[in-house]
Amino acid sequence: MLRRVLIFGGLFLLLGSFASAKVTQLDYKATFGIFGTVGTIQNSLTQNAKTYKIDTKVTLAGLAKVLMGGQTEHYVSKGHLKDGLMVSDFYQMTSRKKHKKVMKEYRIDHQKKSVTKRVRKWRKEKLVEDRTETLKFYAEDDLLTLYFNLGHAVKKKQKGKTYLFKSVGLEKQNGEVQITVPDDVQVVEYKKDLGQDGKIYAKAFIHQKNFRKKKGDILLSVAQDGFIHRSVIKDILFYGDAKLTRIK
């Protein structure tokens, strides 16, 4: 459960637009109630005029590391640029825990509007599962590009409304992610959790069994440089809220 807190928190931290700043390295610290600091999230972006690469590493710390057996998560997104935004061609998610390793790879065919997913699992370095399937939905974004691109998209959206986005990597919810842009009245509640210094505020809805009522509210605050500097994941089962803060 702590692992999912870090994963979703870390990914939603990427809401800021990459085009708004020259920063290529973004690091965050995650804290979670009585557990204190539970991990770190390192994000890096490499891009030129035509292509990009995003690399995200999630590492547990303290008691969370002990409880999860030293599990780590690694995400990679590669693709091309179109109209100033990143479009994913390849997305990879790798999880390691003790003697187990799981790798999920997504290849997006934009001409055919289809996504192929390959899942491989290892135990003690021996491949025990290898399967491939075609997803039931198509999306130009994966989880990483979605949140790097969203900063630009949110700026253009009308306040006080909820918008639907689609992303590879969220098959259990048919790739759908709901993003709410608060109006001037609603934003007051956001600032109670996120502080007064944000330039843009938003809320993401994720449906996961590890969140209370199978629905997690992730509050986001974008700094002046266009990147997320604070995030709060609301109502996680019986543990309350998890917080992520930018440290670099």
C-alpha atoms as a PDB file:
ATOM      1  CA  MET A   1       0.000   0.000   0.000  1.00  0.00           C
ATOM      2  CA  LEU A   2       2.859   2.417   0.845  1.00  0.00           C
ATOM      3  CA  ARG A   3       4.384   1.589  -2.536  1.00  0.00           C
ATOM      4  CA  ARG A   4       1.233   2.727  -4.355  1.00  0.00           C
ATOM      5  CA  VAL A   5       1.176   5.933  -2.325  1.00  0.00           C
ATOM      6  CA  LEU A   6       4.653   6.760  -3.571  1.00  0.00           C
ATOM      7  CA  ILE A   7       3.960   5.695  -7.148  1.00  0.00           C
ATOM      8  CA  PHE A   8       0.812   7.719  -7.677  1.00  0.00           C
ATOM      9  CA  GLY A   9       2.060  10.655  -5.664  1.00  0.00           C
ATOM     10  CA  GLY A  10       5.300  10.730  -7.601  1.00  0.00           C
ATOM     11  CA  LEU A  11       3.618  10.487 -10.954  1.00  0.00           C
ATOM     12  CA  PHE A  12       1.113  13.208 -10.237  1.00  0.00           C
ATOM     13  CA  LEU A  13       3.934  15.442  -9.094  1.00  0.00           C
ATOM     14  CA  LEU A  14       4.831  15.685 -12.769  1.00  0.00           C
ATOM     15  CA  LEU A  15       1.778  17.815 -13.487  1.00  0.00           C
ATOM     16  CA  GLY A  16       3.899  20.895 -14.241  1.00  0.00           C
ATOM     17  CA  SER A  17       4.682  21.757 -17.866  1.00  0.00           C
ATOM     18  CA  PHE A  18       8.240  20.887 -18.936  1.00  0.00           C
ATOM     19  CA  ALA A  19       8.260  23.859 -21.315  1.00  0.00           C
ATOM     20  CA  SER A  20       7.929  26.403 -18.507  1.00  0.00           C
ATOM     21  CA  ALA A  21      11.362  25.882 -16.960  1.00  0.00           C
ATOM     22  CA  LYS A  22      14.900  24.711 -17.738  1.00  0.00           C
ATOM     23  CA  VAL A  23      14.986  22.342 -14.763  1.00  0.00           C
ATOM     24  CA  THR A  24      15.685  18.764 -15.829  1.00  0.00           C
ATOM     25  CA  GLN A  25      16.010  17.152 -12.399  1.00  0.00           C
ATOM     26  CA  LEU A  26      13.107  17.144  -9.925  1.00  0.00           C
ATOM     27  CA  ASP A  27      13.419  15.361  -6.571  1.00  0.00           C
ATOM     28  CA  TYR A  28      10.737  14.909  -3.923  1.00  0.00           C
ATOM     29  CA  LYS A  29      10.417  13.594  -0.371  1.00  0.00           C
ATOM     30  CA  ALA A  30       7.350  11.616   0.689  1.00  0.00           C
ATOM     31  CA  THR A  31       6.000  11.614   4.246  1.00  0.00           C
ATOM     32  CA  PHE A  32       3.096   9.550   5.544  1.00  0.00           C
ATOM     33  CA  GLY A  33       1.560  10.102   8.991  1.00  0.00           C
ATOM     34  CA  ILE A  34       3.199   8.164  11.820  1.00  0.00           C
ATOM     35  CA  PHE A  35       5.632   6.544   9.353  1.00  0.00           C
ATOM     36  CA  GLY A  36       7.439   9.839   8.804  1.00  0.00           C
ATOM     37  CA  THR A  37       9.607   9.899   5.675  1.00  0.00           C
ATOM     38  CA  VAL A  38       8.669   6.875   3.559  1.00  0.00           C
ATOM     39  CA  GLY A  39      10.640   7.482   0.379  1.00  0.00           C
ATOM     40  CA  THR A  40      12.066   9.698  -2.342  1.00  0.00           C
ATOM     41  CA  ILE A  41      11.109  10.272  -5.974  1.00  0.00           C
ATOM     42  CA  GLN A  42      13.694  11.294  -8.567  1.00  0.00           C
ATOM     43  CA  ASN A  43      12.555  12.579 -11.956  1.00  0.00           C
ATOM     44  CA  SER A  44      14.722  13.602 -14.905  1.00  0.00           C
ATOM     45  CA  LEU A  45      13.838  14.863 -18.370  1.00  0.00           C
ATOM     46  CA  THR A  46      16.034  14.777 -21.473  1.00  0.00           C
ATOM     47  CA  GLN A  47      14.769  16.293 -24.713  1.00  0.00           C
ATOM     48  CA  ASN A  48      15.767  17.850 -28.011  1.00  0.00           C
ATOM     49  CA  ALA A  49      13.734  19.429 -30.806  1.00  0.00           C
ATOM     50  CA  LYS A  50      12.177  16.114 -31.870  1.00  0.00           C
ATOM     51  CA  THR A  51      12.365  13.530 -29.086  1.00  0.00           C
ATOM     52  CA  TYR A  52      12.281  13.214 -25.294  1.00  0.00           C
ATOM     53  CA  LYS A  53      12.986  10.758 -22.477  1.00  0.00           C
ATOM     54  CA  ILE A  54      11.574  10.839 -18.941  1.00  0.00           C
ATOM     55  CA  ASP A  55      13.148   8.756 -16.165  1.00  0.00           C
ATOM     56  CA  THR A  56      11.493   8.363 -12.745  1.00  0.00           C
ATOM     57  CA  LYS A  57      12.804   6.359  -9.781  1.00  0.00           C
ATOM     58  CA  VAL A  58      10.831   5.656  -6.593  1.00  0.00           C
ATOM     59  CA  THR A  59      12.838   4.490  -3.576  1.00  0.00           C
ATOM     60  CA  LEU A  60      11.402   3.564  -0.168  1.00  0.00           C
ATOM     61  CA  ALA A  61      13.058   4.630   3.074  1.00  0.00           C
ATOM     62  CA  GLY A  62      12.865   3.979   6.806  1.00  0.00           C
ATOM     63  CA  LEU A  63      10.114   1.711   8.109  1.00  0.00           C
ATOM     64  CA  ALA A  64       8.428   1.632   4.696  1.00  0.00           C
ATOM     65  CA  LYS A  65      11.571   0.141   3.171  1.00  0.00           C
ATOM     66  CA  VAL A  66      11.639  -2.600   5.796  1.00  0.00           C
ATOM     67  CA  LEU A  67       7.937  -3.416   5.449  1.00  0.00           C
ATOM     68  CA  MET A  68       8.139  -3.556   1.634  1.00  0.00           C
ATOM     69  CA  GLY A  69      11.331  -5.593   1.513  1.00  0.00           C
ATOM     70  CA  GLY A  70      13.405  -2.823  -0.069  1.00  0.00           C
ATOM     71  CA  GLN A  71      11.119  -2.577  -3.106  1.00  0.00           C
ATOM     72  CA  THR A  72      11.990  -0.033  -5.810  1.00  0.00           C
ATOM     73  CA  GLU A  73      10.070   1.291  -8.826  1.00  0.00           C
ATOM     74  CA  HIS A  74      11.533   2.577 -12.083  1.00  0.00           C
ATOM     75  CA  TYR A  75       9.584   4.273 -14.906  1.00  0.00           C
ATOM     76  CA  VAL A  76      10.803   5.251 -18.376  1.00  0.00           C
ATOM     77  CA  SER A  77       8.927   7.073 -21.127  1.00  0.00           C
ATOM     78  CA  LYS A  78      10.265   7.727 -24.637  1.00  0.00           C
ATOM     79  CA  GLY A  79       8.601   9.424 -27.562  1.00  0.00           C
ATOM     80  CA  HIS A  80       8.364  12.435 -29.835  1.00  0.00           C
ATOM     81  CA  LEU A  81       7.219  16.036 -29.679  1.00  0.00           C
ATOM     82  CA  LYS A  82       4.087  17.292 -31.419  1.00  0.00           C
ATOM     83  CA  ASP A  83       2.815  20.869 -31.204  1.00  0.00           C
ATOM     84  CA  GLY A  84       5.107  21.497 -28.258  1.00  0.00           C
ATOM     85  CA  LEU A  85       3.841  18.544 -26.210  1.00  0.00           C
ATOM     86  CA  MET A  86       5.284  15.096 -25.589  1.00  0.00           C
ATOM     87  CA  VAL A  87       3.615  12.089 -27.241  1.00  0.00           C
ATOM     88  CA  SER A  88       4.544   8.673 -25.882  1.00  0.00           C
ATOM     89  CA  ASP A  89       5.799   5.886 -28.153  1.00  0.00           C
ATOM     90  CA  PHE A  90       7.155   3.617 -25.403  1.00  0.00           C
ATOM     91  CA  TYR A  91       6.464   3.314 -21.673  1.00  0.00           C
ATOM     92  CA  GLN A  92       8.135   0.932 -19.210  1.00  0.00           C
ATOM     93  CA  MET A  93       7.394   0.175 -15.555  1.00  0.00           C
ATOM     94  CA  THR A  94       9.816  -1.988 -13.553  1.00  0.00           C
ATOM     95  CA  SER A  95       9.305  -3.194  -9.981  1.00  0.00           C
ATOM     96  CA  ARG A  96      11.951  -5.021  -7.918  1.00  0.00           C
ATOM     97  CA  LYS A  97      11.473  -6.665  -4.535  1.00  0.00           C
ATOM     98  CA  LYS A  98      13.960  -9.110  -3.050  1.00  0.00           C
ATOM     99  CA  HIS A  99      14.163 -11.971  -5.575  1.00  0.00           C
ATOM    100  CA  LYS A 100      11.210 -10.806  -7.681  1.00  0.00           C
ATOM    101  CA  LYS A 101      11.114  -8.515 -10.693  1.00  0.00           C
ATOM    102  CA  VAL A 102       8.124  -7.379 -12.781  1.00  0.00           C
ATOM    103  CA  MET A 103       8.441  -5.404 -16.006  1.00  0.00           C
ATOM    104  CA  LYS A 104       5.555  -3.938 -17.997  1.00  0.00           C
ATOM    105  CA  GLU A 105       6.228  -2.459 -21.432  1.00  0.00           C
ATOM    106  CA  TYR A 106       3.790  -0.506 -23.568  1.00  0.00           C
ATOM    107  CA  ARG A 107       4.291   0.252 -27.256  1.00  0.00           C
ATOM    108  CA  ILE A 108       1.911   2.789 -28.767  1.00  0.00           C
ATOM    109  CA  ASP A 109       1.076   2.653 -32.484  1.00  0.00           C
ATOM    110  CA  HIS A 110      -0.387   6.058 -33.280  1.00  0.00           C
ATOM    111  CA  GLN A 111      -1.242   5.213 -36.869  1.00  0.00           C
ATOM    112  CA  LYS A 112      -3.315   2.176 -35.896  1.00  0.00           C
ATOM    113  CA  LYS A 113      -4.414   3.836 -32.645  1.00  0.00           C
ATOM    114  CA  SER A 114      -3.547   0.757 -30.611  1.00  0.00           C
ATOM    115  CA  VAL A 115      -1.419  -0.086 -27.579  1.00  0.00           C
ATOM    116  CA  THR A 116       0.439  -3.367 -27.048  1.00  0.00           C
ATOM    117  CA  LYS A 117       1.318  -4.370 -23.490  1.00  0.00           C
ATOM    118  CA  ARG A 118       3.939  -6.948 -22.580  1.00  0.00           C
ATOM    119  CA  VAL A 119       4.320  -8.250 -19.017  1.00  0.00           C
ATOM    120  CA  ARG A 120       7.317 -10.260 -17.825  1.00  0.00           C
ATOM    121  CA  LYS A 121       8.011 -11.645 -14.361  1.00  0.00           C
ATOM    122  CA  TRP A 122      11.202 -13.091 -12.889  1.00  0.00           C
ATOM    123  CA  ARG A 123      11.917 -15.022  -9.709  1.00  0.00           C
ATOM    124  CA  LYS A 124      15.520 -15.477  -8.651  1.00  0.00           C
ATOM    125  CA  GLU A 125      16.515 -14.158 -12.110  1.00  0.00           C
ATOM    126  CA  LYS A 126      14.477 -16.874 -13.859  1.00  0.00           C
ATOM    127  CA  LEU A 127      11.736 -15.785 -16.269  1.00  0.00           C
ATOM    128  CA  VAL A 128       8.458 -17.330 -15.030  1.00  0.00           C
ATOM    129  CA  GLU A 129       5.894 -15.399 -17.075  1.00  0.00           C
ATOM    130  CA  ASP A 130       5.846 -13.626 -20.433  1.00  0.00           C
ATOM    131  CA  ARG A 131       2.560 -12.491 -21.970  1.00  0.00           C
ATOM    132  CA  THR A 132       1.429  -9.882 -24.485  1.00  0.00           C
ATOM    133  CA  GLU A 133      -1.965  -8.268 -25.032  1.00  0.00           C
ATOM    134  CA  THR A 134      -3.592  -5.382 -26.887  1.00  0.00           C
ATOM    135  CA  LEU A 135      -5.304  -2.830 -24.659  1.00  0.00           C
ATOM    136  CA  LYS A 136      -8.981  -2.065 -25.096  1.00  0.00           C
ATOM    137  CA  PHE A 137      -8.260   1.664 -25.344  1.00  0.00           C
ATOM    138  CA  TYR A 138      -5.819   3.990 -27.079  1.00  0.00           C
ATOM    139  CA  ALA A 139      -4.036   7.017 -25.617  1.00  0.00           C
ATOM    140  CA  GLU A 140      -1.271   9.322 -26.783  1.00  0.00           C
ATOM    141  CA  ASP A 141      -0.066   9.737 -23.206  1.00  0.00           C
ATOM    142  CA  ASP A 142       1.426   7.424 -20.653  1.00  0.00           C
ATOM    143  CA  LEU A 143       1.408   8.387 -16.970  1.00  0.00           C
ATOM    144  CA  LEU A 144       4.627  10.371 -17.224  1.00  0.00           C
ATOM    145  CA  THR A 145       3.846  12.385 -20.366  1.00  0.00           C
ATOM    146  CA  LEU A 146       0.323  13.008 -19.122  1.00  0.00           C
ATOM    147  CA  TYR A 147       1.549  14.876 -16.090  1.00  0.00           C
ATOM    148  CA  PHE A 148       4.356  16.730 -17.816  1.00  0.00           C
ATOM    149  CA  ASN A 149       1.875  17.930 -20.440  1.00  0.00           C
ATOM    150  CA  LEU A 150      -0.981  18.685 -18.045  1.00  0.00           C
ATOM    151  CA  GLY A 151       0.496  21.904 -16.695  1.00  0.00           C
ATOM    152  CA  HIS A 152       0.043  23.534 -20.085  1.00  0.00           C
ATOM    153  CA  ALA A 153      -3.415  22.031 -20.571  1.00  0.00           C
ATOM    154  CA  VAL A 154      -4.744  23.057 -17.157  1.00  0.00           C
ATOM    155  CA  LYS A 155      -3.863  26.705 -17.772  1.00  0.00           C
ATOM    156  CA  LYS A 156      -6.300  26.787 -20.672  1.00  0.00           C
ATOM    157  CA  LYS A 157      -9.188  25.063 -18.886  1.00  0.00           C
ATOM    158  CA  GLN A 158     -12.160  26.855 -17.389  1.00  0.00           C
ATOM    159  CA  LYS A 159     -12.100  26.946 -13.599  1.00  0.00           C
ATOM    160  CA  GLY A 160     -14.651  25.048 -11.555  1.00  0.00           C
ATOM    161  CA  LYS A 161     -14.935  22.091 -13.927  1.00  0.00           C
ATOM    162  CA  THR A 162     -13.648  18.504 -14.172  1.00  0.00           C
ATOM    163  CA  TYR A 163     -11.947  17.218 -17.316  1.00  0.00           C
ATOM    164  CA  LEU A 164     -11.281  13.684 -18.531  1.00  0.00           C
ATOM    165  CA  PHE A 165      -7.823  12.611 -19.724  1.00  0.00           C
ATOM    166  CA  LYS A 166      -6.614   9.197 -20.929  1.00  0.00           C
ATOM    167  CA  SER A 167      -3.324   7.508 -20.149  1.00  0.00           C
ATOM    168  CA  VAL A 168      -1.564   4.213 -20.779  1.00  0.00           C
ATOM    169  CA  GLY A 169      -0.719   2.500 -17.489  1.00  0.00           C
ATOM    170  CA  LEU A 170      -4.144   2.703 -15.861  1.00  0.00           C
ATOM    171  CA  GLU A 171      -5.897  -0.288 -17.389  1.00  0.00           C
ATOM    172  CA  LYS A 172      -8.076  -0.997 -14.355  1.00  0.00           C
ATOM    173  CA  GLN A 173      -9.889   2.281 -14.952  1.00  0.00           C
ATOM    174  CA  ASN A 174      -9.843   2.089 -18.749  1.00  0.00           C
ATOM    175  CA  GLY A 175      -7.041   4.651 -18.855  1.00  0.00           C
ATOM    176  CA  GLU A 176      -9.241   7.441 -17.536  1.00  0.00           C
ATOM    177  CA  VAL A 177      -8.015  10.194 -15.199  1.00  0.00           C
ATOM    178  CA  GLN A 178     -10.254  13.015 -13.991  1.00  0.00           C
ATOM    179  CA  ILE A 179      -8.642  16.400 -13.340  1.00  0.00           C
ATOM    180  CA  THR A 180     -10.556  19.175 -11.562  1.00  0.00           C
ATOM    181  CA  VAL A 181      -9.566  22.835 -11.865  1.00  0.00           C
ATOM    182  CA  PRO A 182     -10.998  24.649  -8.817  1.00  0.00           C
ATOM    183  CA  ASP A 183     -12.778  27.978  -9.067  1.00  0.00           C
ATOM    184  CA  ASP A 184     -11.916  30.950  -6.845  1.00  0.00           C
ATOM    185  CA  VAL A 185     -14.142  29.648  -4.032  1.00  0.00           C
ATOM    186  CA  GLN A 186     -13.050  26.006  -4.173  1.00  0.00           C
ATOM    187  CA  VAL A 187      -9.355  26.868  -4.256  1.00  0.00           C
ATOM    188  CA  VAL A 188      -9.560  28.135  -0.659  1.00  0.00           C
ATOM    189  CA  GLU A 189      -9.882  24.530   0.561  1.00  0.00           C
ATOM    190  CA  TYR A 190      -6.982  23.430  -1.637  1.00  0.00           C
ATOM    191  CA  LYS A 191      -4.732  26.081  -0.114  1.00  0.00           C
ATOM    192  CA  LYS A 192      -5.408  24.765   3.391  1.00  0.00           C
ATOM    193  CA  ASP A 193      -3.528  21.580   2.459  1.00  0.00           C
ATOM    194  CA  LEU A 194      -1.115  22.940  -0.158  1.00  0.00           C
ATOM    195  CA  GLY A 195      -0.199  26.401   1.095  1.00  0.00           C
ATOM    196  CA  GLN A 196      -0.733  29.855  -0.360  1.00  0.00           C
ATOM    197  CA  ASP A 197       2.274  30.044  -2.677  1.00  0.00           C
ATOM    198  CA  GLY A 198       1.042  27.985  -5.638  1.00  0.00           C
ATOM    199  CA  LYS A 199       0.526  29.505  -9.066  1.00  0.00           C
ATOM    200  CA  ILE A 200      -1.939  26.828 -10.213  1.00  0.00           C
ATOM    201  CA  TYR A 201      -4.024  24.361  -8.185  1.00  0.00           C
ATOM    202  CA  ALA A 202      -5.706  21.156  -9.353  1.00  0.00           C
ATOM    203  CA  LYS A 203      -7.133  17.866  -8.095  1.00  0.00           C
ATOM    204  CA  ALA A 204      -6.755  14.431  -9.680  1.00  0.00           C
ATOM    205  CA  PHE A 205      -9.067  11.472  -9.088  1.00  0.00           C
ATOM    206  CA  ILE A 206      -7.578   7.965  -9.069  1.00  0.00           C
ATOM    207  CA  HIS A 207      -9.643   4.815  -8.559  1.00  0.00           C
ATOM    208  CA  GLN A 208      -7.572   2.228  -6.676  1.00  0.00           C
ATOM    209  CA  LYS A 209      -8.468  -0.404  -4.078  1.00  0.00           C
ATOM    210  CA  ASN A 210      -5.801   1.004  -1.757  1.00  0.00           C
ATOM    211  CA  PHE A 211      -7.639   4.287  -1.434  1.00  0.00           C
ATOM    212  CA  ARG A 212     -10.621   4.711   0.879  1.00  0.00           C
ATOM    213  CA  LYS A 213     -13.905   4.127  -0.983  1.00  0.00           C
ATOM    214  CA  LYS A 214     -11.745   3.036  -3.955  1.00  0.00           C
ATOM    215  CA  LYS A 215     -11.213   6.677  -4.882  1.00  0.00           C
ATOM    216  CA  GLY A 216      -8.179   8.806  -4.134  1.00  0.00           C
ATOM    217  CA  ASP A 217      -8.101  12.587  -4.280  1.00  0.00           C
ATOM    218  CA  ILE A 218      -4.670  14.002  -5.096  1.00  0.00           C
ATOM    219  CA  LEU A 219      -4.341  17.737  -4.516  1.00  0.00           C
ATOM    220  CA  LEU A 220      -1.632  19.502  -6.514  1.00  0.00           C
ATOM    221  CA  SER A 221       0.091  22.862  -6.320  1.00  0.00           C
ATOM    222  CA  VAL A 222       2.195  24.125  -9.239  1.00  0.00           C
ATOM    223  CA  ALA A 223       5.028  26.557  -8.472  1.00  0.00           C
ATOM    224  CA  GLN A 224       5.976  29.670 -10.431  1.00  0.00           C
ATOM    225  CA  ASP A 225       8.501  27.697 -12.479  1.00  0.00           C
ATOM    226  CA  GLY A 226       5.725  25.445 -13.788  1.00  0.00           C
ATOM    227  CA  PHE A 227       6.569  22.329 -11.770  1.00  0.00           C
ATOM    228  CA  ILE A 228       4.719  20.773  -8.826  1.00  0.00           C
ATOM    229  CA  HIS A 229       6.266  21.760  -5.499  1.00  0.00           C
ATOM    230  CA  ARG A 230       3.721  20.209  -3.141  1.00  0.00           C
ATOM    231  CA  SER A 231       1.127  17.420  -3.280  1.00  0.00           C
ATOM    232  CA  VAL A 232      -1.291  15.832  -0.826  1.00  0.00           C
ATOM    233  CA  ILE A 233      -2.923  12.447  -1.380  1.00  0.00           C
ATOM    234  CA  LYS A 234      -6.195  12.476   0.536  1.00  0.00           C
ATOM    235  CA  ASP A 235      -7.848   9.779   2.668  1.00  0.00           C
ATOM    236  CA  ILE A 236      -5.665   6.697   2.237  1.00  0.00           C
ATOM    237  CA  LEU A 237      -7.593   3.882   3.923  1.00  0.00           C
ATOM    238  CA  PHE A 238      -7.304   4.357   7.694  1.00  0.00           C
ATOM    239  CA  TYR A 239      -4.027   6.250   7.562  1.00  0.00           C
ATOM    240  CA  GLY A 240      -5.198   9.712   6.508  1.00  0.00           C
ATOM    241  CA  ASP A 241      -3.139  11.824   4.114  1.00  0.00           C
ATOM    242  CA  ALA A 242       0.271  11.423   2.486  1.00  0.00           C
ATOM    243  CA  LYS A 243       2.351  14.453   1.553  1.00  0.00           C
ATOM    244  CA  LEU A 244       5.054  14.991  -1.047  1.00  0.00           C
ATOM    245  CA  THR A 245       7.362  17.990  -1.062  1.00  0.00           C
ATOM    246  CA  ARG A 246       9.861  19.115  -3.659  1.00  0.00           C
ATOM    247  CA  ILE A 247      13.434  19.178  -2.336  1.00  0.00           C
ATOM    248  CA  LYS A 248      15.319  19.972  -5.560  1.00  0.00           C
END
